Amino acid sequence: MLSSIFEPESIAVIGASNNETKWGGRILKNILSGFKGQVFPVNPKEKEVQGRTSYSSVLDIPYEVTMAVIAVPVQLVLNAVEECGKKGVKGLIVVSAGFSETGNAGLELEQKLLSIVKKYGMRMIGPNTLGIVNEPVNLNATVIGRLPRPGTISFITQSGTLGLAIAEWTIDMGLGLCKVISTGNKADIDDVDLIEYLDKDPSTGVIAMYAEGIKRGRNFLEAARRTKKPIIAIKTGRSKRGAKAVFSHTGSIAGSDEVYSAAFRQAGILRVDTIDEVFDAALAFSCQPLPRGNNVAILSNGGGASIVATDECERHGINIVDLAEETKEKIKKVIPEFASASNPVDTAGTSSYTAYSEIIKALLLDKNVDALIAIYVHTLMSDAIPPAEAVVEIKRKCPKPVIACWMGGKGIEEGVDILKNGCLPNYSVPERAVKALAALIRHREFLETVKTRAAEESE
């Protein structure tokens, strides 16, 4: 049923406008810019909206309507939804605000809205949502100005404005997204429904979440535990002030932070502390395999950066593995005599294609190594392109995860582009690279725990 919202054949925009500074005008423009299905503006005051025939009511549209986006004042929402039900609309996105997030009167209005939705067997995202993006079908039913690059990350956000800002940020970062879903008040469709839908969605590889409060907690944890797709979440409302702000924002009860953390761990949800970490981990999941174990090798042309990475690995319980003697001998042949062939490998400034290629090949062939962090520190005397080319070429032939960290300002752009085009996650500092790898390891450990538990239960 959720496919009627994410993959509709036709869309009505109720509250459509010629004024693109209004919600109904901006959303209509964005839908028209890419969506290939039929689109029907609904505005009783206009005969034509953005070059399309405008209808006074959804009931006047002489075609079937799969989904409706409702962007009208709150006092007009119930009537619009009732008409959608009579029309046979299957899915709704209610952008309008003024419901449970405003207090008791708004909650009562939201309950009336939900009763109409259920009466006609419709499904609804919202109210108080900023809409959804489904990149694979070129659907942008939000006020985001552009579609993201194609990717496998689906992002669920309870905060509409933050979600849109993050979506814009990921677009600027060149990070590929599959779906962006602003849940709003979650009166009908909630996180449980979305996880179950995304678990079966072939275009989604990893689920990222910004959550303020969770409804149907037990069902949510069961849904998360059932999916094999990684879920990375930032859960706000940790402090007393934050929890109070959460309730006034979307009407959610934040709940005990300790309870959330414990429950997330049991369900295999990777809880992180910052928005950067959500997408750092999601990026790694979207283009790297899971490591077999937690033994890592670190390569850097700068000793300081490798030490920072080593310290961060220790903090996250990642083992800096001892390299096989054969591996060390291979490395010694391509680095200066005063450089280090032990793990972490320090090339003492050497960053040629040959050096990085031979060292990376040796490290990834080492049976003791489960994953590699490749670091390049830019200087005026070095070139960021050759080592990037070396990493990408070797990684194509190896099933082990490789995380890159190209450090520096001006001068590394072309090298970073090579990494992106080669589907290698790149991070600006070693700490972020290590945390992303730690997320891969934690998810692999969770999957192993689930397999062990299932085997024990079947005996």
Foldseek 3Di string as FASTA:
>chain_A
DCCLAQPNQEEEEEVAAQDCVALNPLLLVQQVVAADHYYEYEDLVDQDHPRHGYHPAPLPDPDQHAEYEYRDELVCVQVNLLRCLVSLHAEYEAAYDDAPLADDVRPVSLVSSVVSCVVSNHAYADHNAQGKDAVVNSGDSGNQPDAAAAFQEAEEEQDHVVQSVVRVVCRVVNHHYGMYHHRFLVSGPFQLNVLQVSLPDPSHQAYEYEEAAHPPVVSNLVSLLPRLRAYEYEYWPQDVVGQVVSCSRRNHRRDHPVVVVVSCLLSRHHYDHDPLLRVLQVLLRGQAAFFPAQEEAEEEQDPVQQVVLVVLCVVLVRHPDWFDPVLLVQLCVQADPPWDSTGNGHRPNDQALVNLLSNVLSQLVTPRHREYEYEYEDDPVDALASNLVSVLVSVVVGRGAYAYEYEDDPRNVVSVVSCVVSSHHYDHGSNSSSSSSSSSNSSVVSVVVVVVVVVVVVD
